[in-house]
Amino acid sequence: MSGQLRAEPGRPVARVVRHLCVACAAVWQTLPAFIARHLWRSWAVVEQTTAGTVTASPAPPAVSVRWPRVPERTRCRWRSRLRAAATFLVRVLAASGAEAWARLARELGLDATRAELVVAYAQSTAAPAGQRLATVSALVYRLQPNIRLM
């Protein structure tokens, strides 16, 4: 079994291989860090698609670059997830034991959205555009593996 990643322009397509366990029928897959779990896109595609949600203003459209088509329903779902409360994620940061993340959690408060968390984290770490969602997602996964950013 395999699926196909929809990546950013100019990048080769990655095959995501799934393995079916013959003993328990579980499906196993190992994803590289640049792939957003459960979204079938690279983080750069997700960030470019939700640019107006994660940043103060939408990214200017690239004239010569053709990004993969993302259905409107998927766009709405991603934007909705970023507008959702980040209460649990903020609590995870606060309890992480790292002073920098605890400070960030205090500054955000429990009413912050996931998009506000991404922007604040990107500013505190100087994460470059196109990698903001990936860096926050990686941090959340390191601190609490069963929790997703999106």
C-alpha atoms as a PDB file:
ATOM      1  CA  MET A   1       0.000   0.000   0.000  1.00  0.00           C
ATOM      2  CA  SER A   2       1.276   3.482  -0.705  1.00  0.00           C
ATOM      3  CA  GLY A   3       0.058   7.048  -0.998  1.00  0.00           C
ATOM      4  CA  GLN A   4       1.400  10.068  -2.771  1.00  0.00           C
ATOM      5  CA  LEU A   5       2.538  13.262  -1.065  1.00  0.00           C
ATOM      6  CA  ARG A   6       1.450  16.529  -2.628  1.00  0.00           C
ATOM      7  CA  ALA A   7       4.573  18.647  -2.144  1.00  0.00           C
ATOM      8  CA  GLU A   8       5.589  22.182  -3.039  1.00  0.00           C
ATOM      9  CA  PRO A   9       6.618  23.122  -6.589  1.00  0.00           C
ATOM     10  CA  GLY A  10      10.064  22.073  -7.752  1.00  0.00           C
ATOM     11  CA  ARG A  11      10.315  19.263  -5.222  1.00  0.00           C
ATOM     12  CA  PRO A  12      10.211  15.616  -6.162  1.00  0.00           C
ATOM     13  CA  VAL A  13       7.133  13.679  -5.177  1.00  0.00           C
ATOM     14  CA  ALA A  14       7.676  11.407  -2.190  1.00  0.00           C
ATOM     15  CA  ARG A  15       6.029   8.026  -1.912  1.00  0.00           C
ATOM     16  CA  VAL A  16       4.681   7.211   1.524  1.00  0.00           C
ATOM     17  CA  VAL A  17       4.856   3.459   1.998  1.00  0.00           C
ATOM     18  CA  ARG A  18       2.477   1.713   4.333  1.00  0.00           C
ATOM     19  CA  HIS A  19       3.058  -1.761   5.708  1.00  0.00           C
ATOM     20  CA  LEU A  20       0.241  -4.094   6.665  1.00  0.00           C
ATOM     21  CA  CYS A  21       1.055  -6.358   9.593  1.00  0.00           C
ATOM     22  CA  VAL A  22       0.033  -9.908   8.732  1.00  0.00           C
ATOM     23  CA  ALA A  23      -0.334 -10.807  12.419  1.00  0.00           C
ATOM     24  CA  CYS A  24      -2.581  -8.007  13.687  1.00  0.00           C
ATOM     25  CA  ALA A  25      -3.670  -6.249  10.435  1.00  0.00           C
ATOM     26  CA  ALA A  26      -2.365  -2.904  11.720  1.00  0.00           C
ATOM     27  CA  VAL A  27      -1.130  -0.399   9.152  1.00  0.00           C
ATOM     28  CA  TRP A  28       2.310   1.125   9.814  1.00  0.00           C
ATOM     29  CA  GLN A  29       3.984   4.041   8.078  1.00  0.00           C
ATOM     30  CA  THR A  30       7.031   6.145   8.850  1.00  0.00           C
ATOM     31  CA  LEU A  31       6.955   9.747   7.705  1.00  0.00           C
ATOM     32  CA  PRO A  32       9.897  12.119   7.363  1.00  0.00           C
ATOM     33  CA  ALA A  33       9.625  15.365   9.371  1.00  0.00           C
ATOM     34  CA  PHE A  34       8.812  17.527   6.343  1.00  0.00           C
ATOM     35  CA  ILE A  35       5.478  15.738   5.854  1.00  0.00           C
ATOM     36  CA  ALA A  36       2.495  16.927   7.882  1.00  0.00           C
ATOM     37  CA  ARG A  37       0.987  13.884   9.570  1.00  0.00           C
ATOM     38  CA  HIS A  38      -2.547  13.050   8.363  1.00  0.00           C
ATOM     39  CA  LEU A  39      -2.571  15.977   5.878  1.00  0.00           C
ATOM     40  CA  TRP A  40      -0.863  14.369   2.843  1.00  0.00           C
ATOM     41  CA  ARG A  41       0.978  17.595   2.114  1.00  0.00           C
ATOM     42  CA  SER A  42       4.369  18.971   3.022  1.00  0.00           C
ATOM     43  CA  TRP A  43       4.304  21.614   5.751  1.00  0.00           C
ATOM     44  CA  ALA A  44       5.338  24.237   3.192  1.00  0.00           C
ATOM     45  CA  VAL A  45       2.170  23.556   1.162  1.00  0.00           C
ATOM     46  CA  VAL A  46      -0.021  23.736   4.275  1.00  0.00           C
ATOM     47  CA  GLU A  47       1.606  27.012   5.346  1.00  0.00           C
ATOM     48  CA  GLN A  48       1.321  28.541   1.882  1.00  0.00           C
ATOM     49  CA  THR A  49      -2.351  27.522   1.705  1.00  0.00           C
ATOM     50  CA  THR A  50      -3.186  28.989   5.126  1.00  0.00           C
ATOM     51  CA  ALA A  51      -0.920  32.057   4.800  1.00  0.00           C
ATOM     52  CA  GLY A  52      -3.626  34.584   5.759  1.00  0.00           C
ATOM     53  CA  THR A  53      -4.427  32.607   8.919  1.00  0.00           C
ATOM     54  CA  VAL A  54      -0.867  32.191  10.192  1.00  0.00           C
ATOM     55  CA  THR A  55       0.501  35.615   9.278  1.00  0.00           C
ATOM     56  CA  ALA A  56      -0.876  39.129   9.516  1.00  0.00           C
ATOM     57  CA  SER A  57      -1.404  39.313   5.757  1.00  0.00           C
ATOM     58  CA  PRO A  58      -1.621  36.732   3.016  1.00  0.00           C
ATOM     59  CA  ALA A  59       1.572  35.867   1.179  1.00  0.00           C
ATOM     60  CA  PRO A  60       1.815  37.485  -2.241  1.00  0.00           C
ATOM     61  CA  PRO A  61       0.971  34.979  -4.948  1.00  0.00           C
ATOM     62  CA  ALA A  62       3.980  33.602  -6.757  1.00  0.00           C
ATOM     63  CA  VAL A  63       3.418  34.241 -10.443  1.00  0.00           C
ATOM     64  CA  SER A  64       5.731  31.624 -11.918  1.00  0.00           C
ATOM     65  CA  VAL A  65       5.284  28.984  -9.211  1.00  0.00           C
ATOM     66  CA  ARG A  66       2.412  26.531  -9.432  1.00  0.00           C
ATOM     67  CA  TRP A  67       1.519  25.069  -6.035  1.00  0.00           C
ATOM     68  CA  PRO A  68      -0.524  21.872  -5.804  1.00  0.00           C
ATOM     69  CA  ARG A  69      -4.266  22.375  -5.858  1.00  0.00           C
ATOM     70  CA  VAL A  70      -5.829  22.107  -2.415  1.00  0.00           C
ATOM     71  CA  PRO A  71      -9.613  21.608  -2.383  1.00  0.00           C
ATOM     72  CA  GLU A  72     -11.605  24.438  -0.791  1.00  0.00           C
ATOM     73  CA  ARG A  73     -13.075  22.064   1.792  1.00  0.00           C
ATOM     74  CA  THR A  74      -9.542  21.136   2.907  1.00  0.00           C
ATOM     75  CA  ARG A  75      -8.527  24.809   3.028  1.00  0.00           C
ATOM     76  CA  CYS A  76     -11.532  25.579   5.251  1.00  0.00           C
ATOM     77  CA  ARG A  77     -10.729  22.642   7.543  1.00  0.00           C
ATOM     78  CA  TRP A  78      -7.086  23.741   7.929  1.00  0.00           C
ATOM     79  CA  ARG A  79      -8.060  27.357   8.624  1.00  0.00           C
ATOM     80  CA  SER A  80     -10.649  26.207  11.132  1.00  0.00           C
ATOM     81  CA  ARG A  81      -8.049  24.127  12.969  1.00  0.00           C
ATOM     82  CA  LEU A  82      -5.685  27.110  13.143  1.00  0.00           C
ATOM     83  CA  ARG A  83      -8.474  29.318  14.509  1.00  0.00           C
ATOM     84  CA  ALA A  84      -9.260  26.700  17.174  1.00  0.00           C
ATOM     85  CA  ALA A  85      -8.210  27.191  20.768  1.00  0.00           C
ATOM     86  CA  ALA A  86      -4.661  26.210  21.667  1.00  0.00           C
ATOM     87  CA  THR A  87      -5.480  25.683  25.334  1.00  0.00           C
ATOM     88  CA  PHE A  88      -4.045  22.186  25.588  1.00  0.00           C
ATOM     89  CA  LEU A  89      -0.986  23.076  23.504  1.00  0.00           C
ATOM     90  CA  VAL A  90      -0.295  26.096  25.736  1.00  0.00           C
ATOM     91  CA  ARG A  91      -0.586  23.854  28.791  1.00  0.00           C
ATOM     92  CA  VAL A  92       1.880  21.396  27.238  1.00  0.00           C
ATOM     93  CA  LEU A  93       4.351  24.261  26.661  1.00  0.00           C
ATOM     94  CA  ALA A  94       3.869  25.520  30.226  1.00  0.00           C
ATOM     95  CA  ALA A  95       4.526  22.070  31.687  1.00  0.00           C
ATOM     96  CA  SER A  96       7.488  21.292  29.409  1.00  0.00           C
ATOM     97  CA  GLY A  97      10.100  22.293  31.968  1.00  0.00           C
ATOM     98  CA  ALA A  98      11.782  24.712  29.557  1.00  0.00           C
ATOM     99  CA  GLU A  99      11.687  28.323  30.720  1.00  0.00           C
ATOM    100  CA  ALA A 100      11.433  29.696  27.170  1.00  0.00           C
ATOM    101  CA  TRP A 101       8.303  27.633  26.428  1.00  0.00           C
ATOM    102  CA  ALA A 102       6.774  28.418  29.824  1.00  0.00           C
ATOM    103  CA  ARG A 103       7.315  32.135  29.172  1.00  0.00           C
ATOM    104  CA  LEU A 104       5.720  31.810  25.755  1.00  0.00           C
ATOM    105  CA  ALA A 105       2.741  29.996  27.327  1.00  0.00           C
ATOM    106  CA  ARG A 106       2.312  32.801  29.901  1.00  0.00           C
ATOM    107  CA  GLU A 107       2.448  35.467  27.181  1.00  0.00           C
ATOM    108  CA  LEU A 108      -0.136  33.665  25.063  1.00  0.00           C
ATOM    109  CA  GLY A 109      -2.570  32.746  27.814  1.00  0.00           C
ATOM    110  CA  LEU A 110      -5.195  30.025  27.663  1.00  0.00           C
ATOM    111  CA  ASP A 111      -7.406  31.920  25.192  1.00  0.00           C
ATOM    112  CA  ALA A 112      -4.850  31.864  22.364  1.00  0.00           C
ATOM    113  CA  THR A 113      -5.610  30.246  19.029  1.00  0.00           C
ATOM    114  CA  ARG A 114      -3.303  27.785  17.326  1.00  0.00           C
ATOM    115  CA  ALA A 115      -2.474  30.441  14.707  1.00  0.00           C
ATOM    116  CA  GLU A 116      -1.434  32.866  17.477  1.00  0.00           C
ATOM    117  CA  LEU A 117       0.747  30.132  18.958  1.00  0.00           C
ATOM    118  CA  VAL A 118       2.418  29.553  15.580  1.00  0.00           C
ATOM    119  CA  VAL A 119       3.077  33.290  15.083  1.00  0.00           C
ATOM    120  CA  ALA A 120       4.425  33.765  18.629  1.00  0.00           C
ATOM    121  CA  TYR A 121       6.652  30.697  18.393  1.00  0.00           C
ATOM    122  CA  ALA A 122       7.948  31.738  14.960  1.00  0.00           C
ATOM    123  CA  GLN A 123       8.823  35.199  16.314  1.00  0.00           C
ATOM    124  CA  SER A 124      10.580  33.782  19.373  1.00  0.00           C
ATOM    125  CA  THR A 125      12.679  31.346  17.328  1.00  0.00           C
ATOM    126  CA  ALA A 126      13.025  33.361  14.095  1.00  0.00           C
ATOM    127  CA  ALA A 127      11.573  30.452  12.126  1.00  0.00           C
ATOM    128  CA  PRO A 128      11.666  31.273   8.416  1.00  0.00           C
ATOM    129  CA  ALA A 129       8.505  31.556   6.352  1.00  0.00           C
ATOM    130  CA  GLY A 130       7.505  28.183   4.989  1.00  0.00           C
ATOM    131  CA  GLN A 131       8.745  26.403   8.124  1.00  0.00           C
ATOM    132  CA  ARG A 132       6.620  27.987  10.851  1.00  0.00           C
ATOM    133  CA  LEU A 133       3.992  25.250  11.012  1.00  0.00           C
ATOM    134  CA  ALA A 134       6.647  22.551  10.745  1.00  0.00           C
ATOM    135  CA  THR A 135       8.707  23.902  13.657  1.00  0.00           C
ATOM    136  CA  VAL A 136       5.710  24.259  15.970  1.00  0.00           C
ATOM    137  CA  SER A 137       4.391  20.844  14.981  1.00  0.00           C
ATOM    138  CA  ALA A 138       7.810  19.288  15.652  1.00  0.00           C
ATOM    139  CA  LEU A 139       7.977  20.943  19.079  1.00  0.00           C
ATOM    140  CA  VAL A 140       4.479  19.765  20.001  1.00  0.00           C
ATOM    141  CA  TYR A 141       5.302  16.249  18.817  1.00  0.00           C
ATOM    142  CA  ARG A 142       8.523  16.180  20.887  1.00  0.00           C
ATOM    143  CA  LEU A 143       6.697  17.330  24.001  1.00  0.00           C
ATOM    144  CA  GLN A 144       3.514  15.300  23.556  1.00  0.00           C
ATOM    145  CA  PRO A 145       3.684  12.703  20.733  1.00  0.00           C
ATOM    146  CA  ASN A 146      -0.050  11.961  20.659  1.00  0.00           C
ATOM    147  CA  ILE A 147      -1.067  15.588  20.093  1.00  0.00           C
ATOM    148  CA  ARG A 148      -1.221  17.272  16.679  1.00  0.00           C
ATOM    149  CA  LEU A 149      -1.005  20.926  15.806  1.00  0.00           C
ATOM    150  CA  MET A 150      -3.510  20.469  12.990  1.00  0.00           C
END
